[in-house]
Amino acid sequence: MTVSETISALSLVVSAVALVYAAKAVNASRRAIQLQIFDGIFKDIKRLDAEYIAEFKGKGTKPNARWCHDFFNTLEYMAFLLNHNMILRNELHDFYRDAAIHWHKTFADNTSKKDLDNPDFFPEFKKLYRRLKNDGAV
């Protein structure tokens, strides 16, 4: 093997290692972004849930339209991202499963039966809830 062939072979090996490293870095970056997105959504939901407990639950009053709009739309957004594999659904399953079931109770308590039965009313959250409740798998 000549010197130029040896250098070419080493270059190929170094390039392959660099490519694997770059792929791992891109994957790690993607996962970090997904966690940041989920963290932001989860903080919004926690804030809205705390607001619900402090202002409405146990006081015999229904939440106002602003709260319902914010809470339900945030849940729908999170469910959409999870249902369409845009954030780490499987890795976070154990973390959010019980919380999502709790949020569905709040959702059901503050939504009419007609809306709960309407398949077009927050369909992504209903789909996620059914999946979590029925088989526990996401």
N, C-alpha and C. Protein backbone atom coordinates (compact mmCIF):
# COMPACT_ATOMS: atom_id res chain seq x y z
N MET A 1 0.85 -1.16 0.00
CA MET A 1 0.00 0.00 0.00
C MET A 1 0.91 1.23 0.00
N THR A 2 0.60 2.16 -0.87
CA THR A 2 1.41 3.36 -0.97
C THR A 2 1.02 4.34 0.12
N VAL A 3 1.85 5.36 0.25
CA VAL A 3 1.62 6.39 1.27
C VAL A 3 0.30 7.11 0.98
N SER A 4 0.05 7.42 -0.25
CA SER A 4 -1.20 8.15 -0.58
C SER A 4 -2.43 7.28 -0.31
N GLU A 5 -2.33 5.98 -0.55
CA GLU A 5 -3.45 5.08 -0.26
C GLU A 5 -3.68 4.98 1.24
N THR A 6 -2.61 4.94 2.01
CA THR A 6 -2.71 4.89 3.47
C THR A 6 -3.36 6.16 4.00
N ILE A 7 -2.93 7.30 3.49
CA ILE A 7 -3.50 8.59 3.92
C ILE A 7 -4.98 8.65 3.55
N SER A 8 -5.32 8.18 2.37
CA SER A 8 -6.72 8.16 1.93
C SER A 8 -7.56 7.26 2.84
N ALA A 9 -7.02 6.10 3.19
CA ALA A 9 -7.74 5.17 4.06
C ALA A 9 -7.94 5.77 5.44
N LEU A 10 -6.90 6.41 5.99
CA LEU A 10 -7.02 7.06 7.30
C LEU A 10 -8.02 8.22 7.24
N SER A 11 -7.99 8.95 6.16
CA SER A 11 -8.94 10.05 5.99
C SER A 11 -10.37 9.53 5.98
N LEU A 12 -10.57 8.41 5.32
CA LEU A 12 -11.90 7.80 5.27
C LEU A 12 -12.36 7.39 6.67
N VAL A 13 -11.48 6.79 7.45
CA VAL A 13 -11.83 6.36 8.82
C VAL A 13 -12.14 7.59 9.68
N VAL A 14 -11.29 8.62 9.60
CA VAL A 14 -11.52 9.84 10.38
C VAL A 14 -12.83 10.49 9.97
N SER A 15 -13.13 10.52 8.69
CA SER A 15 -14.39 11.09 8.20
C SER A 15 -15.59 10.31 8.73
N ALA A 16 -15.50 9.00 8.73
CA ALA A 16 -16.60 8.17 9.24
C ALA A 16 -16.83 8.41 10.72
N VAL A 17 -15.75 8.51 11.50
CA VAL A 17 -15.86 8.79 12.94
C VAL A 17 -16.48 10.18 13.15
N ALA A 18 -16.06 11.14 12.37
CA ALA A 18 -16.60 12.50 12.48
C ALA A 18 -18.09 12.52 12.13
N LEU A 19 -18.47 11.74 11.15
CA LEU A 19 -19.87 11.67 10.75
C LEU A 19 -20.73 11.07 11.87
N VAL A 20 -20.26 10.01 12.49
CA VAL A 20 -20.98 9.39 13.61
C VAL A 20 -21.09 10.38 14.77
N TYR A 21 -20.02 11.06 15.07
CA TYR A 21 -20.02 12.06 16.15
C TYR A 21 -21.00 13.18 15.84
N ALA A 22 -21.02 13.65 14.61
CA ALA A 22 -21.95 14.73 14.21
C ALA A 22 -23.40 14.27 14.33
N ALA A 23 -23.67 13.03 13.94
CA ALA A 23 -25.04 12.50 14.05
C ALA A 23 -25.47 12.43 15.51
N LYS A 24 -24.56 11.99 16.39
CA LYS A 24 -24.89 11.94 17.82
C LYS A 24 -25.11 13.34 18.38
N ALA A 25 -24.34 14.29 17.94
CA ALA A 25 -24.50 15.68 18.40
C ALA A 25 -25.83 16.26 17.95
N VAL A 26 -26.22 15.98 16.72
CA VAL A 26 -27.51 16.46 16.20
C VAL A 26 -28.65 15.82 17.00
N ASN A 27 -28.55 14.54 17.28
CA ASN A 27 -29.57 13.84 18.06
C ASN A 27 -29.67 14.41 19.48
N ALA A 28 -28.53 14.66 20.10
CA ALA A 28 -28.53 15.24 21.45
C ALA A 28 -29.14 16.64 21.44
N SER A 29 -28.84 17.41 20.42
CA SER A 29 -29.42 18.75 20.30
C SER A 29 -30.92 18.68 20.11
N ARG A 30 -31.38 17.76 19.29
CA ARG A 30 -32.82 17.58 19.07
C ARG A 30 -33.52 17.22 20.37
N ARG A 31 -32.94 16.31 21.12
CA ARG A 31 -33.53 15.90 22.39
C ARG A 31 -33.56 17.06 23.39
N ALA A 32 -32.52 17.86 23.42
CA ALA A 32 -32.48 19.01 24.33
C ALA A 32 -33.57 20.01 23.97
N ILE A 33 -33.77 20.25 22.70
CA ILE A 33 -34.82 21.17 22.26
C ILE A 33 -36.19 20.61 22.63
N GLN A 34 -36.39 19.32 22.43
CA GLN A 34 -37.66 18.70 22.79
C GLN A 34 -37.95 18.84 24.28
N LEU A 35 -36.93 18.63 25.10
CA LEU A 35 -37.11 18.77 26.54
C LEU A 35 -37.42 20.21 26.93
N GLN A 36 -36.79 21.17 26.27
CA GLN A 36 -37.08 22.58 26.54
C GLN A 36 -38.53 22.90 26.20
N ILE A 37 -39.00 22.40 25.07
CA ILE A 37 -40.39 22.63 24.66
C ILE A 37 -41.33 22.00 25.69
N PHE A 38 -41.09 20.75 26.04
CA PHE A 38 -41.95 20.07 27.01
C PHE A 38 -41.91 20.78 28.35
N ASP A 39 -40.74 21.22 28.78
CA ASP A 39 -40.60 21.92 30.05
C ASP A 39 -41.44 23.20 30.06
N GLY A 40 -41.38 23.95 28.97
CA GLY A 40 -42.17 25.18 28.89
C GLY A 40 -43.67 24.91 28.97
N ILE A 41 -44.12 23.91 28.24
CA ILE A 41 -45.54 23.54 28.26
C ILE A 41 -45.93 23.06 29.65
N PHE A 42 -45.10 22.22 30.24
CA PHE A 42 -45.40 21.66 31.56
C PHE A 42 -45.47 22.77 32.61
N LYS A 43 -44.58 23.74 32.54
CA LYS A 43 -44.63 24.86 33.49
C LYS A 43 -45.91 25.66 33.33
N ASP A 44 -46.35 25.88 32.09
CA ASP A 44 -47.61 26.59 31.86
C ASP A 44 -48.78 25.81 32.45
N ILE A 45 -48.80 24.51 32.23
CA ILE A 45 -49.89 23.69 32.76
C ILE A 45 -49.86 23.69 34.28
N LYS A 46 -48.69 23.56 34.88
CA LYS A 46 -48.58 23.59 36.34
C LYS A 46 -49.07 24.92 36.90
N ARG A 47 -48.72 26.01 36.24
CA ARG A 47 -49.15 27.34 36.68
C ARG A 47 -50.67 27.45 36.60
N LEU A 48 -51.23 27.00 35.50
CA LEU A 48 -52.69 27.05 35.33
C LEU A 48 -53.39 26.12 36.31
N ASP A 49 -52.82 24.96 36.58
CA ASP A 49 -53.39 24.03 37.55
C ASP A 49 -53.37 24.63 38.95
N ALA A 50 -52.27 25.27 39.31
CA ALA A 50 -52.18 25.93 40.62
C ALA A 50 -53.19 27.08 40.72
N GLU A 51 -53.36 27.81 39.63
CA GLU A 51 -54.34 28.90 39.60
C GLU A 51 -55.75 28.32 39.79
N TYR A 52 -56.03 27.20 39.16
CA TYR A 52 -57.33 26.54 39.29
C TYR A 52 -57.59 26.16 40.75
N ILE A 53 -56.59 25.54 41.37
CA ILE A 53 -56.74 25.10 42.76
C ILE A 53 -56.94 26.31 43.68
N ALA A 54 -56.16 27.36 43.47
CA ALA A 54 -56.24 28.54 44.34
C ALA A 54 -57.52 29.35 44.13
N GLU A 55 -57.97 29.47 42.91
CA GLU A 55 -59.07 30.39 42.63
C GLU A 55 -60.44 29.74 42.44
N PHE A 56 -60.49 28.47 42.07
CA PHE A 56 -61.78 27.89 41.70
C PHE A 56 -62.14 26.62 42.46
N LYS A 57 -61.22 25.70 42.58
CA LYS A 57 -61.53 24.40 43.16
C LYS A 57 -61.91 24.56 44.63
N GLY A 58 -62.98 23.94 45.01
CA GLY A 58 -63.42 23.98 46.40
C GLY A 58 -64.17 25.25 46.77
N LYS A 59 -64.28 26.19 45.85
CA LYS A 59 -65.00 27.43 46.13
C LYS A 59 -66.38 27.43 45.50
N GLY A 60 -66.69 26.39 44.78
CA GLY A 60 -68.00 26.28 44.16
C GLY A 60 -68.18 27.16 42.93
N THR A 61 -67.09 27.69 42.41
CA THR A 61 -67.20 28.53 41.22
C THR A 61 -66.50 27.84 40.06
N LYS A 62 -67.05 28.04 38.91
CA LYS A 62 -66.43 27.50 37.69
C LYS A 62 -65.34 28.46 37.23
N PRO A 63 -64.31 27.94 36.61
CA PRO A 63 -63.26 28.82 36.07
C PRO A 63 -63.81 29.74 34.99
N ASN A 64 -63.18 30.88 34.85
CA ASN A 64 -63.61 31.83 33.82
C ASN A 64 -63.15 31.35 32.45
N ALA A 65 -63.69 31.99 31.42
CA ALA A 65 -63.40 31.60 30.04
C ALA A 65 -61.91 31.73 29.72
N ARG A 66 -61.24 32.73 30.24
CA ARG A 66 -59.82 32.91 29.98
C ARG A 66 -59.02 31.73 30.49
N TRP A 67 -59.31 31.31 31.72
CA TRP A 67 -58.58 30.19 32.30
C TRP A 67 -58.83 28.92 31.48
N CYS A 68 -60.09 28.64 31.17
CA CYS A 68 -60.42 27.45 30.39
C CYS A 68 -59.72 27.46 29.03
N HIS A 69 -59.76 28.59 28.38
CA HIS A 69 -59.10 28.72 27.08
C HIS A 69 -57.60 28.43 27.20
N ASP A 70 -56.95 29.06 28.16
CA ASP A 70 -55.51 28.86 28.34
C ASP A 70 -55.18 27.41 28.69
N PHE A 71 -55.91 26.86 29.65
CA PHE A 71 -55.63 25.51 30.12
C PHE A 71 -55.89 24.47 29.03
N PHE A 72 -57.07 24.52 28.41
CA PHE A 72 -57.42 23.52 27.41
C PHE A 72 -56.53 23.61 26.18
N ASN A 73 -56.21 24.80 25.75
CA ASN A 73 -55.35 24.94 24.57
C ASN A 73 -53.92 24.49 24.85
N THR A 74 -53.44 24.72 26.05
CA THR A 74 -52.09 24.26 26.42
C THR A 74 -52.05 22.74 26.47
N LEU A 75 -53.08 22.13 27.04
CA LEU A 75 -53.17 20.66 27.05
C LEU A 75 -53.24 20.10 25.64
N GLU A 76 -54.02 20.74 24.78
CA GLU A 76 -54.17 20.27 23.40
C GLU A 76 -52.83 20.36 22.66
N TYR A 77 -52.10 21.44 22.89
CA TYR A 77 -50.79 21.60 22.24
C TYR A 77 -49.82 20.52 22.70
N MET A 78 -49.76 20.28 24.01
CA MET A 78 -48.89 19.23 24.54
C MET A 78 -49.28 17.88 23.95
N ALA A 79 -50.58 17.58 23.93
CA ALA A 79 -51.04 16.30 23.42
C ALA A 79 -50.71 16.14 21.94
N PHE A 80 -50.88 17.22 21.18
CA PHE A 80 -50.54 17.16 19.75
C PHE A 80 -49.07 16.80 19.57
N LEU A 81 -48.20 17.46 20.31
CA LEU A 81 -46.76 17.18 20.18
C LEU A 81 -46.43 15.75 20.58
N LEU A 82 -47.06 15.26 21.63
CA LEU A 82 -46.82 13.88 22.07
C LEU A 82 -47.41 12.87 21.08
N ASN A 83 -48.62 13.11 20.64
CA ASN A 83 -49.29 12.17 19.73
C ASN A 83 -48.59 12.05 18.38
N HIS A 84 -47.92 13.11 17.97
CA HIS A 84 -47.26 13.12 16.66
C HIS A 84 -45.74 12.97 16.77
N ASN A 85 -45.30 12.48 17.93
CA ASN A 85 -43.88 12.18 18.17
C ASN A 85 -42.96 13.38 17.94
N MET A 86 -43.44 14.56 18.24
CA MET A 86 -42.61 15.75 18.09
C MET A 86 -41.81 16.04 19.35
N ILE A 87 -42.20 15.43 20.45
CA ILE A 87 -41.40 15.48 21.67
C ILE A 87 -41.30 14.07 22.22
N LEU A 88 -40.42 13.87 23.14
CA LEU A 88 -40.03 12.54 23.62
C LEU A 88 -41.15 11.85 24.38
N ARG A 89 -42.07 11.32 23.66
CA ARG A 89 -43.25 10.71 24.26
C ARG A 89 -42.89 9.53 25.15
N ASN A 90 -42.17 8.58 24.64
CA ASN A 90 -41.88 7.36 25.40
C ASN A 90 -41.00 7.61 26.61
N GLU A 91 -40.00 8.44 26.46
CA GLU A 91 -39.08 8.69 27.56
C GLU A 91 -39.75 9.43 28.71
N LEU A 92 -40.78 10.23 28.42
CA LEU A 92 -41.45 11.02 29.45
C LEU A 92 -42.75 10.37 29.93
N HIS A 93 -43.08 9.22 29.39
CA HIS A 93 -44.36 8.58 29.69
C HIS A 93 -44.63 8.48 31.18
N ASP A 94 -43.74 7.89 31.95
CA ASP A 94 -43.98 7.70 33.38
C ASP A 94 -44.10 9.03 34.12
N PHE A 95 -43.44 10.03 33.60
CA PHE A 95 -43.45 11.35 34.25
C PHE A 95 -44.81 12.03 34.11
N TYR A 96 -45.39 12.01 32.94
CA TYR A 96 -46.61 12.80 32.73
C TYR A 96 -47.89 11.98 32.74
N ARG A 97 -47.82 10.67 32.80
CA ARG A 97 -49.02 9.83 32.72
C ARG A 97 -50.05 10.20 33.78
N ASP A 98 -49.68 10.15 35.05
CA ASP A 98 -50.63 10.46 36.13
C ASP A 98 -51.09 11.91 36.07
N ALA A 99 -50.19 12.80 35.70
CA ALA A 99 -50.55 14.22 35.59
C ALA A 99 -51.59 14.42 34.50
N ALA A 100 -51.42 13.77 33.35
CA ALA A 100 -52.37 13.93 32.25
C ALA A 100 -53.74 13.38 32.63
N ILE A 101 -53.77 12.30 33.38
CA ILE A 101 -55.05 11.75 33.84
C ILE A 101 -55.70 12.74 34.82
N HIS A 102 -54.92 13.34 35.69
CA HIS A 102 -55.44 14.38 36.61
C HIS A 102 -55.96 15.58 35.83
N TRP A 103 -55.21 16.01 34.82
CA TRP A 103 -55.63 17.16 34.02
C TRP A 103 -56.93 16.85 33.27
N HIS A 104 -57.10 15.60 32.87
CA HIS A 104 -58.34 15.24 32.19
C HIS A 104 -59.53 15.38 33.14
N LYS A 105 -59.33 15.06 34.41
CA LYS A 105 -60.42 15.24 35.39
C LYS A 105 -60.78 16.71 35.48
N THR A 106 -59.79 17.59 35.55
CA THR A 106 -60.06 19.02 35.56
C THR A 106 -60.76 19.44 34.28
N PHE A 107 -60.29 18.92 33.17
CA PHE A 107 -60.89 19.18 31.86
C PHE A 107 -62.36 18.74 31.85
N ALA A 108 -62.63 17.52 32.31
CA ALA A 108 -64.00 16.99 32.32
C ALA A 108 -64.89 17.75 33.29
N ASP A 109 -64.36 18.16 34.43
CA ASP A 109 -65.14 18.89 35.43
C ASP A 109 -65.55 20.28 34.93
N ASN A 110 -64.84 20.81 33.96
CA ASN A 110 -65.10 22.17 33.51
C ASN A 110 -65.50 22.25 32.05
N THR A 111 -65.99 21.14 31.53
CA THR A 111 -66.45 21.06 30.15
C THR A 111 -67.82 20.41 30.14
N SER A 112 -68.65 20.82 29.24
CA SER A 112 -69.99 20.24 29.16
C SER A 112 -69.91 18.81 28.62
N LYS A 113 -70.92 18.03 28.93
CA LYS A 113 -71.00 16.65 28.42
C LYS A 113 -71.01 16.67 26.89
N LYS A 114 -71.70 17.66 26.33
CA LYS A 114 -71.77 17.79 24.87
C LYS A 114 -70.37 17.96 24.28
N ASP A 115 -69.55 18.83 24.90
CA ASP A 115 -68.19 19.04 24.41
C ASP A 115 -67.31 17.82 24.63
N LEU A 116 -67.49 17.13 25.75
CA LEU A 116 -66.70 15.92 26.00
C LEU A 116 -67.01 14.84 24.96
N ASP A 117 -68.27 14.77 24.51
CA ASP A 117 -68.66 13.77 23.52
C ASP A 117 -68.36 14.20 22.09
N ASN A 118 -68.03 15.47 21.89
CA ASN A 118 -67.76 15.99 20.55
C ASN A 118 -66.32 15.61 20.15
N PRO A 119 -66.15 14.78 19.12
CA PRO A 119 -64.80 14.35 18.74
C PRO A 119 -63.92 15.47 18.21
N ASP A 120 -64.51 16.59 17.82
CA ASP A 120 -63.72 17.71 17.31
C ASP A 120 -63.30 18.70 18.40
N PHE A 121 -63.74 18.50 19.62
CA PHE A 121 -63.42 19.40 20.73
C PHE A 121 -62.17 18.85 21.44
N PHE A 122 -61.04 19.49 21.20
CA PHE A 122 -59.74 19.09 21.75
C PHE A 122 -59.46 17.60 21.50
N PRO A 123 -59.43 17.20 20.24
CA PRO A 123 -59.27 15.77 19.90
C PRO A 123 -57.92 15.19 20.29
N GLU A 124 -56.87 15.97 20.23
CA GLU A 124 -55.53 15.43 20.55
C GLU A 124 -55.43 15.08 22.03
N PHE A 125 -55.97 15.92 22.89
CA PHE A 125 -55.91 15.64 24.33
C PHE A 125 -56.77 14.42 24.66
N LYS A 126 -57.94 14.33 24.05
CA LYS A 126 -58.79 13.17 24.28
C LYS A 126 -58.11 11.88 23.81
N LYS A 127 -57.44 11.95 22.68
CA LYS A 127 -56.72 10.78 22.14
C LYS A 127 -55.60 10.37 23.09
N LEU A 128 -54.83 11.34 23.56
CA LEU A 128 -53.74 11.04 24.50
C LEU A 128 -54.30 10.44 25.79
N TYR A 129 -55.35 11.04 26.32
CA TYR A 129 -55.96 10.54 27.55
C TYR A 129 -56.44 9.10 27.39
N ARG A 130 -57.16 8.81 26.30
CA ARG A 130 -57.64 7.44 26.07
C ARG A 130 -56.48 6.45 26.02
N ARG A 131 -55.41 6.84 25.35
CA ARG A 131 -54.26 5.96 25.23
C ARG A 131 -53.63 5.71 26.60
N LEU A 132 -53.49 6.76 27.39
CA LEU A 132 -52.89 6.62 28.71
C LEU A 132 -53.78 5.81 29.65
N LYS A 133 -55.06 6.07 29.62
CA LYS A 133 -55.99 5.43 30.53
C LYS A 133 -56.26 3.97 30.16
N ASN A 134 -56.43 3.72 28.87
CA ASN A 134 -56.83 2.36 28.45
C ASN A 134 -55.72 1.33 28.56
N ASP A 135 -54.55 1.68 28.05
CA ASP A 135 -53.51 0.65 28.06
C ASP A 135 -52.23 1.10 28.74
N GLY A 136 -52.20 2.32 29.20
CA GLY A 136 -51.02 2.81 29.91
C GLY A 136 -49.81 2.98 29.04
N ALA A 137 -49.93 2.73 27.76
CA ALA A 137 -48.80 2.87 26.85
C ALA A 137 -49.01 4.09 25.98
N VAL A 138 -47.93 4.68 25.63
CA VAL A 138 -48.00 5.85 24.72
C VAL A 138 -47.33 5.48 23.44
